[in-house]
Amino acid sequence: MPSCLLCVCISGSVHCDDSDLTQIPPLPKETKHFYARFNKITEVRATDFINIKLPATLKHIDVGNNQLRSSGMHAEAFKNNNIQSMSQDTICNTQDKNKLPYFPQIVCICSHCQ
């Protein structure tokens, strides 16, 4: 189901906070900012951002306060992207960022990630 039926889409931002999501919904091609806090998402799959147009417009992801497993952050999901920031608990508390080779250094914006 398209995310704008499940979430609020405004000017390139998709807001899916507290929507009982168990996975990331298909995102509109022009998504720049994606927020899906306080859901039941357990993983970020390799295909979750496949609909984003190239060059990738996605710049920020916040899927904090979900049920992300440490093995649930698939590196391929972040390949060929333009992500510049990610919420602290999206990645820093779930996975060693060194296991995600496609992450630009700026992505991990928390004090304990070096």
N, C-alpha and C. Protein backbone atom coordinates (compact mmCIF):
# COMPACT_ATOMS: atom_id res chain seq x y z
N MET A 1 0.85 -1.18 0.00
CA MET A 1 0.00 0.00 0.00
C MET A 1 0.90 1.24 0.00
N PRO A 2 0.64 2.20 -0.86
CA PRO A 2 1.47 3.42 -0.91
C PRO A 2 1.48 4.13 0.44
N SER A 3 2.65 4.68 0.77
CA SER A 3 2.82 5.28 2.09
C SER A 3 1.91 6.48 2.33
N CYS A 4 1.54 7.22 1.30
CA CYS A 4 0.70 8.40 1.52
C CYS A 4 -0.74 8.05 1.87
N LEU A 5 -1.09 6.78 1.78
CA LEU A 5 -2.39 6.34 2.29
C LEU A 5 -2.28 5.96 3.76
N LEU A 6 -1.07 5.59 4.18
CA LEU A 6 -0.83 5.18 5.56
C LEU A 6 -0.24 6.30 6.41
N CYS A 7 0.41 7.24 5.75
CA CYS A 7 1.20 8.25 6.42
C CYS A 7 0.81 9.64 5.92
N VAL A 8 1.47 10.65 6.43
CA VAL A 8 1.25 12.02 5.98
C VAL A 8 2.44 12.41 5.11
N CYS A 9 2.15 12.81 3.87
CA CYS A 9 3.19 13.22 2.93
C CYS A 9 3.05 14.72 2.66
N ILE A 10 4.12 15.46 2.99
CA ILE A 10 4.11 16.91 2.81
C ILE A 10 5.45 17.35 2.24
N SER A 11 5.44 17.93 1.07
CA SER A 11 6.63 18.55 0.46
C SER A 11 7.90 17.71 0.58
N GLY A 12 7.86 16.47 0.16
CA GLY A 12 9.04 15.63 0.18
C GLY A 12 9.31 14.93 1.50
N SER A 13 8.49 15.19 2.51
CA SER A 13 8.63 14.52 3.81
C SER A 13 7.50 13.53 3.99
N VAL A 14 7.85 12.34 4.46
CA VAL A 14 6.85 11.30 4.74
C VAL A 14 6.89 11.03 6.24
N HIS A 15 5.76 11.26 6.89
CA HIS A 15 5.63 11.10 8.35
C HIS A 15 4.74 9.91 8.66
N CYS A 16 5.36 8.87 9.20
CA CYS A 16 4.63 7.64 9.54
C CYS A 16 4.76 7.31 11.02
N ASP A 17 4.99 8.29 11.84
CA ASP A 17 5.18 8.06 13.27
C ASP A 17 3.94 7.42 13.89
N ASP A 18 4.19 6.48 14.79
CA ASP A 18 3.14 5.86 15.60
C ASP A 18 1.97 5.36 14.75
N SER A 19 2.30 4.59 13.70
CA SER A 19 1.28 4.09 12.77
C SER A 19 1.15 2.58 12.78
N ASP A 20 1.75 1.92 13.76
CA ASP A 20 1.71 0.46 13.87
C ASP A 20 2.32 -0.26 12.67
N LEU A 21 3.28 0.37 12.01
CA LEU A 21 3.93 -0.25 10.87
C LEU A 21 4.86 -1.37 11.32
N THR A 22 4.90 -2.44 10.56
CA THR A 22 5.84 -3.53 10.83
C THR A 22 6.96 -3.55 9.79
N GLN A 23 6.81 -2.76 8.75
CA GLN A 23 7.85 -2.61 7.74
C GLN A 23 7.75 -1.23 7.10
N ILE A 24 8.80 -0.83 6.42
CA ILE A 24 8.80 0.46 5.75
C ILE A 24 7.91 0.37 4.52
N PRO A 25 6.94 1.27 4.38
CA PRO A 25 6.03 1.21 3.23
C PRO A 25 6.72 1.74 1.97
N PRO A 26 6.17 1.47 0.80
CA PRO A 26 6.72 2.05 -0.43
C PRO A 26 6.67 3.58 -0.33
N LEU A 27 7.78 4.22 -0.62
CA LEU A 27 7.86 5.67 -0.49
C LEU A 27 7.72 6.36 -1.84
N PRO A 28 7.14 7.55 -1.85
CA PRO A 28 7.06 8.31 -3.10
C PRO A 28 8.46 8.61 -3.64
N LYS A 29 8.58 8.71 -4.94
CA LYS A 29 9.87 8.93 -5.60
C LYS A 29 10.60 10.16 -5.10
N GLU A 30 9.86 11.19 -4.71
CA GLU A 30 10.47 12.46 -4.33
C GLU A 30 10.73 12.60 -2.83
N THR A 31 10.69 11.49 -2.09
CA THR A 31 10.91 11.53 -0.65
C THR A 31 12.32 12.02 -0.31
N LYS A 32 12.38 13.05 0.53
CA LYS A 32 13.66 13.58 1.01
C LYS A 32 13.88 13.24 2.48
N HIS A 33 12.81 13.22 3.25
CA HIS A 33 12.88 12.96 4.68
C HIS A 33 11.84 11.90 5.03
N PHE A 34 12.27 10.86 5.73
CA PHE A 34 11.36 9.78 6.10
C PHE A 34 11.38 9.60 7.61
N TYR A 35 10.23 9.68 8.23
CA TYR A 35 10.07 9.55 9.68
C TYR A 35 9.09 8.41 9.96
N ALA A 36 9.54 7.41 10.68
CA ALA A 36 8.66 6.30 11.06
C ALA A 36 9.00 5.87 12.48
N ARG A 37 8.95 6.82 13.38
CA ARG A 37 9.27 6.54 14.79
C ARG A 37 8.09 5.87 15.47
N PHE A 38 8.39 5.15 16.53
CA PHE A 38 7.35 4.55 17.39
C PHE A 38 6.44 3.61 16.62
N ASN A 39 7.04 2.69 15.88
CA ASN A 39 6.30 1.65 15.17
C ASN A 39 6.80 0.29 15.63
N LYS A 40 6.60 -0.71 14.81
CA LYS A 40 7.04 -2.07 15.13
C LYS A 40 7.95 -2.61 14.04
N ILE A 41 8.69 -1.72 13.39
CA ILE A 41 9.58 -2.10 12.30
C ILE A 41 10.76 -2.87 12.88
N THR A 42 11.05 -4.04 12.29
CA THR A 42 12.14 -4.88 12.79
C THR A 42 13.37 -4.84 11.90
N GLU A 43 13.23 -4.37 10.65
CA GLU A 43 14.38 -4.33 9.76
C GLU A 43 14.22 -3.27 8.68
N VAL A 44 15.35 -2.86 8.13
CA VAL A 44 15.37 -1.99 6.96
C VAL A 44 15.90 -2.89 5.84
N ARG A 45 14.99 -3.28 4.95
CA ARG A 45 15.32 -4.24 3.90
C ARG A 45 16.05 -3.58 2.72
N ALA A 46 16.72 -4.38 1.98
CA ALA A 46 17.49 -3.90 0.82
C ALA A 46 16.58 -3.19 -0.19
N THR A 47 15.32 -3.53 -0.24
CA THR A 47 14.40 -2.95 -1.23
C THR A 47 13.56 -1.79 -0.70
N ASP A 48 13.74 -1.41 0.54
CA ASP A 48 12.87 -0.40 1.14
C ASP A 48 12.93 0.97 0.49
N PHE A 49 14.06 1.34 -0.08
CA PHE A 49 14.19 2.67 -0.69
C PHE A 49 14.34 2.60 -2.20
N ILE A 50 13.93 1.48 -2.77
CA ILE A 50 14.12 1.24 -4.20
C ILE A 50 13.30 2.19 -5.07
N ASN A 51 12.20 2.70 -4.56
CA ASN A 51 11.35 3.60 -5.36
C ASN A 51 11.88 5.03 -5.43
N ILE A 52 12.84 5.36 -4.59
CA ILE A 52 13.37 6.72 -4.58
C ILE A 52 14.11 6.97 -5.89
N LYS A 53 13.80 8.09 -6.53
CA LYS A 53 14.41 8.35 -7.84
C LYS A 53 15.91 8.63 -7.72
N LEU A 54 16.62 8.30 -8.76
CA LEU A 54 18.06 8.55 -8.82
C LEU A 54 18.34 9.76 -9.68
N PRO A 55 19.29 10.63 -9.35
CA PRO A 55 20.09 10.45 -8.15
C PRO A 55 19.20 10.54 -6.91
N ALA A 56 19.50 9.72 -5.97
CA ALA A 56 18.65 9.58 -4.79
C ALA A 56 18.40 10.90 -4.09
N THR A 57 17.15 11.13 -3.76
CA THR A 57 16.78 12.37 -3.08
C THR A 57 16.70 12.19 -1.56
N LEU A 58 16.63 10.96 -1.09
CA LEU A 58 16.48 10.69 0.34
C LEU A 58 17.68 11.20 1.11
N LYS A 59 17.44 12.13 2.05
CA LYS A 59 18.53 12.76 2.80
C LYS A 59 18.51 12.45 4.29
N HIS A 60 17.34 12.11 4.84
CA HIS A 60 17.25 11.86 6.28
C HIS A 60 16.27 10.72 6.55
N ILE A 61 16.66 9.85 7.47
CA ILE A 61 15.82 8.73 7.89
C ILE A 61 15.73 8.74 9.41
N ASP A 62 14.53 8.56 9.92
CA ASP A 62 14.35 8.40 11.36
C ASP A 62 13.38 7.26 11.60
N VAL A 63 13.93 6.10 11.93
CA VAL A 63 13.10 4.95 12.29
C VAL A 63 13.44 4.52 13.72
N GLY A 64 13.69 5.52 14.55
CA GLY A 64 14.00 5.26 15.95
C GLY A 64 12.79 4.77 16.72
N ASN A 65 13.03 4.18 17.85
CA ASN A 65 11.98 3.67 18.73
C ASN A 65 11.08 2.67 18.01
N ASN A 66 11.72 1.76 17.32
CA ASN A 66 11.04 0.63 16.69
C ASN A 66 11.57 -0.64 17.33
N GLN A 67 11.46 -1.74 16.64
CA GLN A 67 11.96 -3.01 17.16
C GLN A 67 13.07 -3.52 16.24
N LEU A 68 13.93 -2.62 15.80
CA LEU A 68 15.01 -2.99 14.89
C LEU A 68 15.95 -3.99 15.54
N ARG A 69 16.20 -5.06 14.82
CA ARG A 69 17.17 -6.05 15.26
C ARG A 69 18.55 -5.62 14.78
N SER A 70 19.58 -6.04 15.48
CA SER A 70 20.93 -5.68 15.06
C SER A 70 21.25 -6.23 13.68
N SER A 71 20.63 -7.34 13.31
CA SER A 71 20.86 -7.90 11.98
C SER A 71 19.86 -7.36 10.96
N GLY A 72 19.00 -6.46 11.39
CA GLY A 72 17.94 -5.98 10.52
C GLY A 72 18.27 -4.78 9.66
N MET A 73 19.49 -4.28 9.74
CA MET A 73 19.89 -3.13 8.92
C MET A 73 20.67 -3.65 7.72
N HIS A 74 20.01 -3.83 6.60
CA HIS A 74 20.63 -4.39 5.41
C HIS A 74 21.41 -3.31 4.67
N ALA A 75 22.70 -3.53 4.51
CA ALA A 75 23.60 -2.55 3.89
C ALA A 75 23.13 -2.14 2.50
N GLU A 76 22.58 -3.05 1.74
CA GLU A 76 22.14 -2.74 0.38
C GLU A 76 21.04 -1.68 0.35
N ALA A 77 20.32 -1.53 1.44
CA ALA A 77 19.26 -0.52 1.50
C ALA A 77 19.83 0.88 1.39
N PHE A 78 21.10 1.03 1.73
CA PHE A 78 21.72 2.35 1.78
C PHE A 78 22.71 2.59 0.65
N LYS A 79 22.76 1.69 -0.30
CA LYS A 79 23.65 1.83 -1.45
C LYS A 79 23.07 2.85 -2.42
N ASN A 80 23.93 3.65 -3.02
CA ASN A 80 23.52 4.65 -4.02
C ASN A 80 22.50 5.64 -3.47
N ASN A 81 22.73 6.12 -2.29
CA ASN A 81 21.81 7.08 -1.71
C ASN A 81 22.53 8.40 -1.46
N ASN A 82 21.77 9.36 -1.01
CA ASN A 82 22.31 10.68 -0.70
C ASN A 82 22.02 11.02 0.75
N ILE A 83 21.89 10.01 1.59
CA ILE A 83 21.54 10.21 2.99
C ILE A 83 22.63 11.00 3.69
N GLN A 84 22.23 12.08 4.35
CA GLN A 84 23.17 12.94 5.04
C GLN A 84 23.04 12.84 6.55
N SER A 85 21.90 12.38 7.03
CA SER A 85 21.73 12.24 8.47
C SER A 85 20.72 11.14 8.78
N MET A 86 20.85 10.61 9.97
CA MET A 86 19.97 9.56 10.43
C MET A 86 19.82 9.75 11.93
N SER A 87 18.65 9.51 12.44
CA SER A 87 18.44 9.71 13.87
C SER A 87 19.38 8.84 14.68
N GLN A 88 19.70 9.30 15.86
CA GLN A 88 20.66 8.63 16.72
C GLN A 88 20.34 7.16 16.94
N ASP A 89 19.13 6.85 17.32
CA ASP A 89 18.83 5.46 17.65
C ASP A 89 18.41 4.63 16.45
N THR A 90 18.36 5.21 15.26
CA THR A 90 18.06 4.41 14.09
C THR A 90 19.18 3.43 13.81
N ILE A 91 20.40 3.90 13.80
CA ILE A 91 21.52 3.04 13.46
C ILE A 91 22.47 2.83 14.63
N CYS A 92 22.74 3.85 15.39
CA CYS A 92 23.80 3.77 16.40
C CYS A 92 23.53 2.76 17.49
N ASN A 93 22.30 2.57 17.84
CA ASN A 93 21.97 1.64 18.92
C ASN A 93 21.63 0.24 18.42
N THR A 94 21.65 0.03 17.10
CA THR A 94 21.23 -1.26 16.58
C THR A 94 22.31 -2.03 15.87
N GLN A 95 23.32 -1.36 15.36
CA GLN A 95 24.28 -2.05 14.50
C GLN A 95 25.62 -1.33 14.51
N ASP A 96 26.67 -2.08 14.39
CA ASP A 96 28.00 -1.50 14.21
C ASP A 96 28.03 -0.87 12.82
N LYS A 97 28.20 0.43 12.74
CA LYS A 97 28.12 1.10 11.45
C LYS A 97 29.21 0.65 10.49
N ASN A 98 30.28 0.04 10.99
CA ASN A 98 31.33 -0.46 10.11
C ASN A 98 30.86 -1.62 9.24
N LYS A 99 29.73 -2.23 9.60
CA LYS A 99 29.18 -3.32 8.81
C LYS A 99 28.32 -2.81 7.67
N LEU A 100 28.16 -1.50 7.57
CA LEU A 100 27.34 -0.90 6.52
C LEU A 100 28.25 -0.08 5.61
N PRO A 101 28.86 -0.71 4.61
CA PRO A 101 29.88 -0.05 3.80
C PRO A 101 29.38 1.11 2.96
N TYR A 102 28.10 1.23 2.72
CA TYR A 102 27.59 2.29 1.87
C TYR A 102 27.25 3.56 2.63
N PHE A 103 27.39 3.53 3.95
CA PHE A 103 27.06 4.70 4.75
C PHE A 103 28.12 5.77 4.61
N PRO A 104 27.72 6.99 4.29
CA PRO A 104 28.69 8.08 4.37
C PRO A 104 28.98 8.35 5.84
N GLN A 105 30.12 8.88 6.16
CA GLN A 105 30.52 9.11 7.54
C GLN A 105 29.54 10.00 8.29
N ILE A 106 28.91 10.93 7.63
CA ILE A 106 28.04 11.90 8.29
C ILE A 106 26.74 11.28 8.81
N VAL A 107 26.40 10.09 8.34
CA VAL A 107 25.13 9.49 8.69
C VAL A 107 24.93 9.28 10.18
N CYS A 108 25.92 8.80 10.86
CA CYS A 108 25.76 8.45 12.26
C CYS A 108 25.98 9.71 13.11
N ILE A 109 24.91 10.30 13.58
CA ILE A 109 25.00 11.57 14.29
C ILE A 109 24.73 11.39 15.78
N CYS A 110 25.55 10.56 16.41
CA CYS A 110 25.40 10.39 17.85
C CYS A 110 26.77 10.42 18.50
N SER A 111 26.80 10.68 19.77
CA SER A 111 28.07 10.90 20.47
C SER A 111 28.93 9.64 20.61
N HIS A 112 28.33 8.46 20.66
CA HIS A 112 29.12 7.26 20.87
C HIS A 112 29.56 6.56 19.60
N CYS A 113 29.25 7.12 18.43
CA CYS A 113 29.71 6.54 17.17
C CYS A 113 30.94 7.30 16.71
N GLN A 114 32.01 6.60 16.50
CA GLN A 114 33.25 7.23 16.06
C GLN A 114 33.66 6.70 14.71
